Amino acid sequence: MKQTDSRSASGLIRDKIILGIDPGTTVMGYGLLHVCNNKPKVLAMGVLQLNKYEDHYVRLRKIFDRTLGLIEEYLPDELAIEAPFFGKNVQSMLKLGRAQGTAIAAALSRDIPIFEYAPLKIKMAITGNGRASKEQVADLLQRILNIPKEDMLPQLDATDGLAAALCHFLQSNRPGVSGGSSSWKTFIAQNPGRIVK
């Protein structure tokens, strides 16, 4: 059922699908990248709106079902998920952790490897600035991945999910890991024809 991770003689990943998730109990964002010949291309991105459900456990069920649905539709090889950030509101952190755990459980039920990234690391990988805004992340993703303007969603949770997937792609291709890009700057330098300025 799951695609296999195929590597070339140089160790570069030739063909795989990465599912990226930005977990949340109000909105869950997701994005899928198809990596072919070490070039990422957007397969899909979207959001799961959860604020219409009052019951927190119903929301968790919806997160599990949607994550499983994405897995069954796109057959991702890996899941990249944003880690909960540490805030002052303990209840919010607990709910966010449950949302993340639910998406992880769905992936584990299909034996998909999980890779967790802190929000700061994702922003750093995409923009070179760990304090970048969601809008800056979305703008750079649009340019790096050549996403048509009409395909960009108003909900930035979708691009946050896509950012997790691209961060994982960049991290898995770091020099010393498999010989590829170490950051978005390196990726742009290695793919000059793919960036629209």
N, C-alpha and C. Protein backbone atom coordinates (compact mmCIF):
# COMPACT_ATOMS: atom_id res chain seq x y z
N MET A 1 0.82 -1.20 0.00
CA MET A 1 0.00 0.00 0.00
C MET A 1 0.85 1.25 0.00
N LYS A 2 1.94 1.26 0.77
CA LYS A 2 2.79 2.43 0.89
C LYS A 2 3.87 2.42 -0.17
N GLN A 3 4.20 3.60 -0.70
CA GLN A 3 5.29 3.68 -1.66
C GLN A 3 6.61 3.45 -0.95
N THR A 4 7.57 2.98 -1.69
CA THR A 4 8.88 2.77 -1.08
C THR A 4 9.77 3.96 -1.36
N ASP A 5 10.67 4.22 -0.43
CA ASP A 5 11.62 5.32 -0.56
C ASP A 5 12.77 4.84 -1.43
N SER A 6 12.89 5.40 -2.64
CA SER A 6 13.96 4.97 -3.53
C SER A 6 15.03 6.04 -3.58
N ARG A 7 16.29 5.61 -3.47
CA ARG A 7 17.41 6.54 -3.49
C ARG A 7 18.31 6.23 -4.67
N SER A 8 18.88 7.29 -5.22
CA SER A 8 19.83 7.12 -6.31
C SER A 8 21.19 6.74 -5.72
N ALA A 9 22.16 6.49 -6.60
CA ALA A 9 23.51 6.12 -6.15
C ALA A 9 24.12 7.25 -5.31
N SER A 10 23.74 8.50 -5.57
CA SER A 10 24.28 9.62 -4.80
C SER A 10 23.58 9.80 -3.47
N GLY A 11 22.53 9.01 -3.23
CA GLY A 11 21.81 9.09 -1.97
C GLY A 11 20.65 10.07 -2.00
N LEU A 12 20.44 10.79 -3.12
CA LEU A 12 19.33 11.73 -3.19
C LEU A 12 18.02 10.98 -3.35
N ILE A 13 17.01 11.49 -2.67
CA ILE A 13 15.70 10.85 -2.74
C ILE A 13 15.08 11.16 -4.10
N ARG A 14 14.68 10.12 -4.82
CA ARG A 14 14.16 10.29 -6.16
C ARG A 14 12.64 10.43 -6.18
N ASP A 15 11.95 9.66 -5.38
CA ASP A 15 10.50 9.64 -5.50
C ASP A 15 9.88 9.29 -4.16
N LYS A 16 9.18 10.24 -3.57
CA LYS A 16 8.44 9.96 -2.35
C LYS A 16 7.40 11.04 -2.14
N ILE A 17 6.46 10.78 -1.27
CA ILE A 17 5.41 11.73 -0.94
C ILE A 17 5.51 12.06 0.55
N ILE A 18 5.48 13.36 0.86
CA ILE A 18 5.56 13.83 2.24
C ILE A 18 4.25 14.52 2.59
N LEU A 19 3.64 14.08 3.67
CA LEU A 19 2.45 14.74 4.21
C LEU A 19 2.90 15.65 5.35
N GLY A 20 2.57 16.92 5.25
CA GLY A 20 2.88 17.88 6.31
C GLY A 20 1.61 18.31 7.00
N ILE A 21 1.64 18.36 8.34
CA ILE A 21 0.45 18.74 9.10
C ILE A 21 0.79 19.81 10.12
N ASP A 22 -0.05 20.83 10.16
CA ASP A 22 -0.04 21.85 11.20
C ASP A 22 -1.24 21.54 12.09
N PRO A 23 -1.01 20.88 13.23
CA PRO A 23 -2.15 20.44 14.04
C PRO A 23 -2.83 21.59 14.75
N GLY A 24 -4.12 21.44 14.98
CA GLY A 24 -4.88 22.44 15.71
C GLY A 24 -6.24 21.88 16.05
N THR A 25 -6.86 22.43 17.08
CA THR A 25 -8.18 21.95 17.46
C THR A 25 -9.29 22.84 16.89
N THR A 26 -8.91 23.98 16.31
CA THR A 26 -9.88 24.83 15.62
C THR A 26 -9.75 24.65 14.11
N VAL A 27 -8.51 24.66 13.63
CA VAL A 27 -8.20 24.42 12.22
C VAL A 27 -6.96 23.55 12.14
N MET A 28 -7.02 22.49 11.34
CA MET A 28 -5.83 21.68 11.06
C MET A 28 -5.43 21.96 9.61
N GLY A 29 -4.19 22.38 9.42
CA GLY A 29 -3.69 22.63 8.07
C GLY A 29 -2.87 21.45 7.58
N TYR A 30 -2.92 21.19 6.28
CA TYR A 30 -2.13 20.10 5.72
C TYR A 30 -1.65 20.44 4.32
N GLY A 31 -0.53 19.81 3.95
CA GLY A 31 0.00 19.97 2.61
C GLY A 31 0.74 18.71 2.22
N LEU A 32 0.71 18.36 0.96
CA LEU A 32 1.40 17.18 0.46
C LEU A 32 2.36 17.56 -0.66
N LEU A 33 3.58 17.05 -0.55
CA LEU A 33 4.60 17.26 -1.57
C LEU A 33 4.95 15.94 -2.22
N HIS A 34 5.08 15.96 -3.54
CA HIS A 34 5.61 14.81 -4.28
C HIS A 34 7.04 15.16 -4.65
N VAL A 35 7.99 14.39 -4.17
CA VAL A 35 9.40 14.61 -4.48
C VAL A 35 9.79 13.63 -5.57
N CYS A 36 10.15 14.18 -6.73
CA CYS A 36 10.57 13.35 -7.87
C CYS A 36 11.88 13.92 -8.40
N ASN A 37 12.90 13.06 -8.52
CA ASN A 37 14.23 13.50 -8.94
C ASN A 37 14.72 14.66 -8.08
N ASN A 38 14.45 14.56 -6.79
CA ASN A 38 14.89 15.53 -5.79
C ASN A 38 14.27 16.91 -5.95
N LYS A 39 13.12 17.00 -6.66
CA LYS A 39 12.41 18.25 -6.82
C LYS A 39 11.03 18.11 -6.19
N PRO A 40 10.70 19.00 -5.23
CA PRO A 40 9.37 18.93 -4.61
C PRO A 40 8.31 19.64 -5.43
N LYS A 41 7.14 19.03 -5.50
CA LYS A 41 6.00 19.61 -6.21
C LYS A 41 4.76 19.44 -5.34
N VAL A 42 3.93 20.47 -5.29
CA VAL A 42 2.73 20.42 -4.45
C VAL A 42 1.70 19.47 -5.06
N LEU A 43 1.25 18.53 -4.25
CA LEU A 43 0.16 17.64 -4.65
C LEU A 43 -1.18 18.21 -4.21
N ALA A 44 -1.22 18.68 -2.97
CA ALA A 44 -2.47 19.21 -2.41
C ALA A 44 -2.17 19.98 -1.14
N MET A 45 -3.07 20.88 -0.80
CA MET A 45 -3.03 21.53 0.51
C MET A 45 -4.44 21.95 0.86
N GLY A 46 -4.68 22.04 2.15
CA GLY A 46 -6.02 22.39 2.58
C GLY A 46 -6.13 22.51 4.08
N VAL A 47 -7.34 22.69 4.54
CA VAL A 47 -7.59 22.80 5.97
C VAL A 47 -8.80 21.96 6.35
N LEU A 48 -8.80 21.56 7.61
CA LEU A 48 -9.95 20.90 8.21
C LEU A 48 -10.50 21.87 9.25
N GLN A 49 -11.70 22.39 9.02
CA GLN A 49 -12.33 23.33 9.95
C GLN A 49 -13.00 22.55 11.06
N LEU A 50 -12.63 22.85 12.30
CA LEU A 50 -13.14 22.08 13.43
C LEU A 50 -13.97 22.92 14.40
N ASN A 51 -14.03 24.23 14.18
CA ASN A 51 -14.73 25.08 15.15
C ASN A 51 -16.23 24.86 15.18
N LYS A 52 -16.78 24.16 14.19
CA LYS A 52 -18.23 23.90 14.21
C LYS A 52 -18.60 22.76 15.16
N TYR A 53 -17.59 22.05 15.65
CA TYR A 53 -17.83 20.96 16.59
C TYR A 53 -17.53 21.42 18.01
N GLU A 54 -18.52 21.35 18.86
CA GLU A 54 -18.35 21.81 20.25
C GLU A 54 -17.51 20.83 21.07
N ASP A 55 -17.75 19.55 20.88
CA ASP A 55 -17.10 18.51 21.70
C ASP A 55 -15.64 18.32 21.26
N HIS A 56 -14.72 18.47 22.21
CA HIS A 56 -13.29 18.33 21.91
C HIS A 56 -12.96 16.94 21.38
N TYR A 57 -13.64 15.92 21.89
CA TYR A 57 -13.34 14.55 21.45
C TYR A 57 -13.86 14.28 20.04
N VAL A 58 -14.94 14.95 19.67
CA VAL A 58 -15.43 14.87 18.28
C VAL A 58 -14.39 15.49 17.36
N ARG A 59 -13.80 16.60 17.77
CA ARG A 59 -12.76 17.25 16.97
C ARG A 59 -11.57 16.30 16.78
N LEU A 60 -11.18 15.61 17.85
CA LEU A 60 -10.06 14.67 17.74
C LEU A 60 -10.41 13.54 16.75
N ARG A 61 -11.64 13.09 16.79
CA ARG A 61 -12.08 12.04 15.86
C ARG A 61 -12.00 12.54 14.41
N LYS A 62 -12.42 13.78 14.20
CA LYS A 62 -12.36 14.37 12.85
C LYS A 62 -10.91 14.49 12.37
N ILE A 63 -10.00 14.86 13.28
CA ILE A 63 -8.57 14.96 12.93
C ILE A 63 -8.05 13.58 12.52
N PHE A 64 -8.39 12.57 13.31
CA PHE A 64 -7.94 11.21 13.00
C PHE A 64 -8.48 10.76 11.65
N ASP A 65 -9.79 10.95 11.44
CA ASP A 65 -10.42 10.52 10.18
C ASP A 65 -9.85 11.25 8.96
N ARG A 66 -9.63 12.56 9.08
CA ARG A 66 -9.11 13.33 7.94
C ARG A 66 -7.67 12.94 7.63
N THR A 67 -6.87 12.77 8.69
CA THR A 67 -5.48 12.36 8.47
C THR A 67 -5.43 11.00 7.80
N LEU A 68 -6.26 10.08 8.28
CA LEU A 68 -6.32 8.75 7.68
C LEU A 68 -6.80 8.82 6.24
N GLY A 69 -7.78 9.70 5.98
CA GLY A 69 -8.28 9.87 4.61
C GLY A 69 -7.19 10.38 3.67
N LEU A 70 -6.39 11.33 4.14
CA LEU A 70 -5.28 11.84 3.33
C LEU A 70 -4.25 10.74 3.07
N ILE A 71 -3.98 9.94 4.08
CA ILE A 71 -3.03 8.83 3.93
C ILE A 71 -3.53 7.83 2.91
N GLU A 72 -4.80 7.50 2.98
CA GLU A 72 -5.35 6.50 2.06
C GLU A 72 -5.46 7.04 0.63
N GLU A 73 -5.67 8.36 0.49
CA GLU A 73 -5.79 8.95 -0.84
C GLU A 73 -4.43 9.16 -1.51
N TYR A 74 -3.44 9.63 -0.75
CA TYR A 74 -2.16 10.02 -1.35
C TYR A 74 -1.01 9.06 -1.06
N LEU A 75 -1.19 8.13 -0.14
CA LEU A 75 -0.17 7.13 0.22
C LEU A 75 1.19 7.77 0.52
N PRO A 76 1.24 8.71 1.48
CA PRO A 76 2.53 9.34 1.79
C PRO A 76 3.52 8.36 2.38
N ASP A 77 4.80 8.63 2.14
CA ASP A 77 5.88 7.80 2.68
C ASP A 77 6.29 8.27 4.07
N GLU A 78 6.08 9.57 4.34
CA GLU A 78 6.51 10.14 5.62
C GLU A 78 5.53 11.23 6.05
N LEU A 79 5.45 11.44 7.38
CA LEU A 79 4.65 12.53 7.93
C LEU A 79 5.58 13.51 8.62
N ALA A 80 5.48 14.78 8.24
CA ALA A 80 6.20 15.86 8.92
C ALA A 80 5.15 16.67 9.66
N ILE A 81 5.32 16.81 10.97
CA ILE A 81 4.29 17.49 11.76
C ILE A 81 4.91 18.56 12.64
N GLU A 82 4.19 19.66 12.76
CA GLU A 82 4.67 20.75 13.60
C GLU A 82 4.47 20.38 15.06
N ALA A 83 5.50 20.58 15.86
CA ALA A 83 5.44 20.31 17.30
C ALA A 83 4.68 21.43 18.00
N PRO A 84 3.96 21.11 19.08
CA PRO A 84 3.29 22.18 19.83
C PRO A 84 4.31 23.13 20.42
N PHE A 85 4.01 24.42 20.38
CA PHE A 85 4.91 25.39 20.99
C PHE A 85 4.53 25.57 22.45
N PHE A 86 5.48 25.97 23.26
CA PHE A 86 5.24 26.15 24.68
C PHE A 86 4.69 27.54 24.93
N GLY A 87 3.48 27.59 25.47
CA GLY A 87 2.84 28.86 25.79
C GLY A 87 2.46 28.91 27.26
N LYS A 88 1.83 30.03 27.63
CA LYS A 88 1.45 30.22 29.03
C LYS A 88 0.15 29.49 29.36
N ASN A 89 -0.70 29.29 28.36
CA ASN A 89 -2.00 28.66 28.61
C ASN A 89 -1.85 27.14 28.55
N VAL A 90 -1.86 26.52 29.70
CA VAL A 90 -1.64 25.07 29.80
C VAL A 90 -2.76 24.30 29.10
N GLN A 91 -4.01 24.76 29.24
CA GLN A 91 -5.13 24.06 28.61
C GLN A 91 -5.01 24.08 27.09
N SER A 92 -4.59 25.21 26.53
CA SER A 92 -4.40 25.29 25.07
C SER A 92 -3.29 24.35 24.62
N MET A 93 -2.21 24.30 25.39
CA MET A 93 -1.10 23.41 25.05
C MET A 93 -1.54 21.95 25.10
N LEU A 94 -2.34 21.60 26.09
CA LEU A 94 -2.83 20.23 26.23
C LEU A 94 -3.69 19.86 25.03
N LYS A 95 -4.60 20.75 24.65
CA LYS A 95 -5.48 20.47 23.51
C LYS A 95 -4.68 20.34 22.22
N LEU A 96 -3.70 21.22 22.04
CA LEU A 96 -2.86 21.17 20.85
C LEU A 96 -2.05 19.88 20.81
N GLY A 97 -1.52 19.47 21.96
CA GLY A 97 -0.78 18.22 22.05
C GLY A 97 -1.65 17.01 21.72
N ARG A 98 -2.91 17.06 22.14
CA ARG A 98 -3.84 15.97 21.82
C ARG A 98 -4.10 15.93 20.31
N ALA A 99 -4.27 17.11 19.70
CA ALA A 99 -4.50 17.17 18.26
C ALA A 99 -3.31 16.59 17.50
N GLN A 100 -2.11 16.98 17.92
CA GLN A 100 -0.91 16.46 17.29
C GLN A 100 -0.82 14.94 17.46
N GLY A 101 -1.06 14.48 18.69
CA GLY A 101 -1.00 13.05 18.97
C GLY A 101 -2.00 12.24 18.17
N THR A 102 -3.17 12.83 17.92
CA THR A 102 -4.20 12.15 17.15
C THR A 102 -3.76 11.97 15.69
N ALA A 103 -3.18 13.02 15.10
CA ALA A 103 -2.68 12.92 13.72
C ALA A 103 -1.54 11.91 13.65
N ILE A 104 -0.66 11.92 14.66
CA ILE A 104 0.45 10.97 14.70
C ILE A 104 -0.08 9.54 14.81
N ALA A 105 -1.11 9.35 15.65
CA ALA A 105 -1.69 8.00 15.82
C ALA A 105 -2.25 7.47 14.49
N ALA A 106 -2.87 8.37 13.70
CA ALA A 106 -3.40 7.95 12.40
C ALA A 106 -2.27 7.48 11.49
N ALA A 107 -1.15 8.23 11.49
CA ALA A 107 0.00 7.83 10.66
C ALA A 107 0.62 6.54 11.16
N LEU A 108 0.74 6.41 12.47
CA LEU A 108 1.31 5.18 13.03
C LEU A 108 0.46 3.96 12.71
N SER A 109 -0.85 4.15 12.63
CA SER A 109 -1.74 3.03 12.31
C SER A 109 -1.50 2.50 10.90
N ARG A 110 -0.80 3.30 10.08
CA ARG A 110 -0.46 2.88 8.71
C ARG A 110 1.06 2.74 8.53
N ASP A 111 1.78 2.65 9.66
CA ASP A 111 3.24 2.44 9.65
C ASP A 111 4.01 3.52 8.88
N ILE A 112 3.57 4.75 8.99
CA ILE A 112 4.25 5.86 8.32
C ILE A 112 5.23 6.50 9.30
N PRO A 113 6.48 6.66 8.92
CA PRO A 113 7.46 7.31 9.80
C PRO A 113 7.06 8.76 10.10
N ILE A 114 7.30 9.19 11.34
CA ILE A 114 6.93 10.52 11.81
C ILE A 114 8.17 11.37 12.02
N PHE A 115 8.12 12.62 11.58
CA PHE A 115 9.20 13.58 11.79
C PHE A 115 8.59 14.85 12.36
N GLU A 116 9.05 15.27 13.53
CA GLU A 116 8.47 16.40 14.24
C GLU A 116 9.43 17.59 14.18
N TYR A 117 8.87 18.77 13.89
CA TYR A 117 9.69 19.97 13.78
C TYR A 117 9.06 21.11 14.59
N ALA A 118 9.90 21.82 15.32
CA ALA A 118 9.45 22.99 16.07
C ALA A 118 9.06 24.09 15.09
N PRO A 119 8.07 24.92 15.45
CA PRO A 119 7.67 26.02 14.55
C PRO A 119 8.85 26.90 14.13
N LEU A 120 9.75 27.20 15.07
CA LEU A 120 10.91 28.03 14.77
C LEU A 120 11.80 27.38 13.71
N LYS A 121 11.98 26.06 13.80
CA LYS A 121 12.82 25.35 12.83
C LYS A 121 12.18 25.36 11.44
N ILE A 122 10.87 25.21 11.39
CA ILE A 122 10.16 25.23 10.10
C ILE A 122 10.32 26.60 9.45
N LYS A 123 10.08 27.66 10.23
CA LYS A 123 10.21 29.01 9.68
C LYS A 123 11.64 29.30 9.23
N MET A 124 12.59 28.83 10.01
CA MET A 124 14.01 29.02 9.65
C MET A 124 14.34 28.30 8.35
N ALA A 125 13.84 27.09 8.18
CA ALA A 125 14.12 26.31 6.97
C ALA A 125 13.52 26.96 5.73
N ILE A 126 12.35 27.56 5.86
CA ILE A 126 11.67 28.14 4.70
C ILE A 126 12.15 29.55 4.41
N THR A 127 12.27 30.38 5.45
CA THR A 127 12.54 31.80 5.24
C THR A 127 13.94 32.24 5.66
N GLY A 128 14.64 31.42 6.44
CA GLY A 128 15.92 31.83 6.98
C GLY A 128 15.76 32.67 8.25
N ASN A 129 14.52 32.84 8.71
CA ASN A 129 14.22 33.64 9.90
C ASN A 129 13.21 32.89 10.77
N GLY A 130 13.65 32.47 11.95
CA GLY A 130 12.78 31.72 12.85
C GLY A 130 11.62 32.51 13.41
N ARG A 131 11.66 33.84 13.24
CA ARG A 131 10.58 34.71 13.74
C ARG A 131 9.69 35.21 12.60
N ALA A 132 9.81 34.61 11.43
CA ALA A 132 9.02 35.05 10.27
C ALA A 132 7.52 34.91 10.54
N SER A 133 6.73 35.76 9.91
CA SER A 133 5.27 35.68 10.05
C SER A 133 4.72 34.57 9.16
N LYS A 134 3.49 34.17 9.44
CA LYS A 134 2.83 33.16 8.62
C LYS A 134 2.71 33.65 7.17
N GLU A 135 2.49 34.95 7.01
CA GLU A 135 2.37 35.53 5.66
C GLU A 135 3.69 35.42 4.90
N GLN A 136 4.80 35.66 5.59
CA GLN A 136 6.11 35.54 4.95
C GLN A 136 6.39 34.09 4.53
N VAL A 137 6.01 33.15 5.40
CA VAL A 137 6.18 31.73 5.07
C VAL A 137 5.36 31.38 3.83
N ALA A 138 4.11 31.82 3.82
CA ALA A 138 3.22 31.53 2.68
C ALA A 138 3.76 32.12 1.39
N ASP A 139 4.26 33.37 1.46
CA ASP A 139 4.79 34.04 0.27
C ASP A 139 6.00 33.30 -0.30
N LEU A 140 6.91 32.89 0.58
CA LEU A 140 8.09 32.17 0.10
C LEU A 140 7.74 30.78 -0.43
N LEU A 141 6.80 30.11 0.23
CA LEU A 141 6.37 28.81 -0.28
C LEU A 141 5.80 28.94 -1.69
N GLN A 142 5.00 29.98 -1.90
CA GLN A 142 4.41 30.20 -3.23
C GLN A 142 5.49 30.34 -4.28
N ARG A 143 6.56 31.09 -3.93
CA ARG A 143 7.64 31.30 -4.90
C ARG A 143 8.52 30.07 -5.07
N ILE A 144 8.89 29.44 -3.96
CA ILE A 144 9.78 28.26 -4.03
C ILE A 144 9.13 27.12 -4.78
N LEU A 145 7.83 26.90 -4.52
CA LEU A 145 7.14 25.75 -5.11
C LEU A 145 6.32 26.11 -6.35
N ASN A 146 6.45 27.36 -6.82
CA ASN A 146 5.73 27.80 -8.03
C ASN A 146 4.23 27.53 -7.94
N ILE A 147 3.63 27.94 -6.84
CA ILE A 147 2.19 27.73 -6.64
C ILE A 147 1.45 28.90 -7.29
N PRO A 148 0.53 28.62 -8.22
CA PRO A 148 -0.24 29.71 -8.82
C PRO A 148 -1.02 30.48 -7.75
N LYS A 149 -1.12 31.78 -7.93
CA LYS A 149 -1.79 32.63 -6.93
C LYS A 149 -3.20 32.14 -6.62
N GLU A 150 -3.91 31.70 -7.66
CA GLU A 150 -5.29 31.25 -7.47
C GLU A 150 -5.40 29.96 -6.65
N ASP A 151 -4.29 29.23 -6.52
CA ASP A 151 -4.29 28.00 -5.72
C ASP A 151 -3.94 28.24 -4.25
N MET A 152 -3.52 29.47 -3.93
CA MET A 152 -3.20 29.80 -2.54
C MET A 152 -4.50 29.97 -1.75
N LEU A 153 -4.55 29.37 -0.57
CA LEU A 153 -5.75 29.44 0.25
C LEU A 153 -5.66 30.61 1.22
N PRO A 154 -6.80 31.19 1.60
CA PRO A 154 -6.76 32.31 2.55
C PRO A 154 -6.34 31.87 3.95
N GLN A 155 -6.60 30.60 4.29
CA GLN A 155 -6.21 30.10 5.61
C GLN A 155 -4.73 29.74 5.60
N LEU A 156 -3.97 30.42 6.45
CA LEU A 156 -2.52 30.20 6.48
C LEU A 156 -2.14 28.89 7.17
N ASP A 157 -3.12 28.22 7.77
CA ASP A 157 -2.84 26.90 8.35
C ASP A 157 -2.46 25.90 7.25
N ALA A 158 -3.03 26.08 6.06
CA ALA A 158 -2.71 25.20 4.93
C ALA A 158 -1.24 25.34 4.54
N THR A 159 -0.77 26.58 4.42
CA THR A 159 0.63 26.78 4.06
C THR A 159 1.56 26.38 5.21
N ASP A 160 1.07 26.47 6.44
CA ASP A 160 1.87 26.00 7.57
C ASP A 160 2.07 24.48 7.49
N GLY A 161 1.04 23.76 7.09
CA GLY A 161 1.17 22.31 6.90
C GLY A 161 2.13 21.99 5.77
N LEU A 162 2.01 22.75 4.67
CA LEU A 162 2.92 22.57 3.54
C LEU A 162 4.35 22.91 3.93
N ALA A 163 4.51 23.93 4.77
CA ALA A 163 5.84 24.34 5.24
C ALA A 163 6.50 23.21 6.03
N ALA A 164 5.72 22.48 6.83
CA ALA A 164 6.27 21.35 7.58
C ALA A 164 6.81 20.29 6.62
N ALA A 165 6.07 20.04 5.54
CA ALA A 165 6.51 19.06 4.55
C ALA A 165 7.79 19.52 3.85
N LEU A 166 7.84 20.80 3.45
CA LEU A 166 9.03 21.30 2.76
C LEU A 166 10.23 21.35 3.71
N CYS A 167 10.00 21.71 4.96
CA CYS A 167 11.07 21.71 5.95
C CYS A 167 11.67 20.30 6.05
N HIS A 168 10.81 19.29 6.08
CA HIS A 168 11.31 17.92 6.17
C HIS A 168 12.11 17.54 4.92
N PHE A 169 11.62 17.96 3.76
CA PHE A 169 12.37 17.70 2.53
C PHE A 169 13.76 18.32 2.60
N LEU A 170 13.83 19.58 3.03
CA LEU A 170 15.11 20.28 3.12
C LEU A 170 16.01 19.64 4.16
N GLN A 171 15.45 19.26 5.31
CA GLN A 171 16.25 18.65 6.38
C GLN A 171 16.77 17.28 5.97
N SER A 172 15.95 16.51 5.27
CA SER A 172 16.38 15.16 4.88
C SER A 172 17.42 15.20 3.77
N ASN A 173 17.60 16.38 3.15
CA ASN A 173 18.61 16.54 2.10
C ASN A 173 19.80 17.36 2.55
N ARG A 174 19.95 17.55 3.87
CA ARG A 174 21.08 18.32 4.39
C ARG A 174 22.41 17.67 4.02
N PRO A 175 23.45 18.46 3.76
CA PRO A 175 24.78 17.90 3.56
C PRO A 175 25.17 17.08 4.78
N GLY A 176 25.72 15.92 4.53
CA GLY A 176 26.08 15.04 5.63
C GLY A 176 24.98 14.05 5.94
N VAL A 177 23.76 14.36 5.47
CA VAL A 177 22.66 13.42 5.64
C VAL A 177 22.46 12.67 4.34
N SER A 178 22.21 13.42 3.26
CA SER A 178 22.09 12.74 1.97
C SER A 178 22.59 13.60 0.82
N GLY A 179 23.33 14.67 1.13
CA GLY A 179 24.01 15.44 0.09
C GLY A 179 23.20 16.47 -0.64
N GLY A 180 22.00 16.86 -0.15
CA GLY A 180 21.18 17.81 -0.87
C GLY A 180 21.21 19.19 -0.26
N SER A 181 20.07 19.89 -0.33
CA SER A 181 19.97 21.27 0.12
C SER A 181 19.96 21.37 1.63
N SER A 182 20.59 22.42 2.15
CA SER A 182 20.61 22.63 3.59
C SER A 182 19.61 23.69 4.01
N SER A 183 19.13 24.51 3.09
CA SER A 183 18.18 25.56 3.43
C SER A 183 17.47 26.00 2.16
N TRP A 184 16.51 26.90 2.33
CA TRP A 184 15.80 27.39 1.15
C TRP A 184 16.74 28.16 0.24
N LYS A 185 17.75 28.86 0.81
CA LYS A 185 18.71 29.60 -0.03
C LYS A 185 19.49 28.64 -0.94
N THR A 186 19.92 27.52 -0.35
CA THR A 186 20.65 26.52 -1.15
C THR A 186 19.73 25.92 -2.20
N PHE A 187 18.49 25.64 -1.81
CA PHE A 187 17.53 25.07 -2.75
C PHE A 187 17.31 26.00 -3.94
N ILE A 188 17.15 27.30 -3.65
CA ILE A 188 16.96 28.28 -4.72
C ILE A 188 18.18 28.34 -5.63
N ALA A 189 19.37 28.32 -5.02
CA ALA A 189 20.60 28.36 -5.81
C ALA A 189 20.72 27.14 -6.73
N GLN A 190 20.25 25.98 -6.23
CA GLN A 190 20.34 24.75 -7.02
C GLN A 190 19.20 24.61 -8.02
N ASN A 191 18.16 25.45 -7.89
CA ASN A 191 16.99 25.37 -8.77
C ASN A 191 16.62 26.76 -9.30
N PRO A 192 17.52 27.41 -10.03
CA PRO A 192 17.27 28.80 -10.43
C PRO A 192 16.04 29.00 -11.31
N GLY A 193 15.70 28.03 -12.13
CA GLY A 193 14.57 28.17 -13.03
C GLY A 193 13.23 27.95 -12.37
N ARG A 194 13.22 27.54 -11.10
CA ARG A 194 11.97 27.21 -10.42
C ARG A 194 11.42 28.35 -9.57
N ILE A 195 12.17 29.44 -9.46
CA ILE A 195 11.76 30.54 -8.59
C ILE A 195 11.29 31.72 -9.42
N VAL A 196 10.09 32.22 -9.14
CA VAL A 196 9.56 33.38 -9.82
C VAL A 196 9.75 34.58 -8.91
N LYS A 197 10.46 35.58 -9.38
CA LYS A 197 10.74 36.78 -8.55
C LYS A 197 9.84 37.91 -8.92
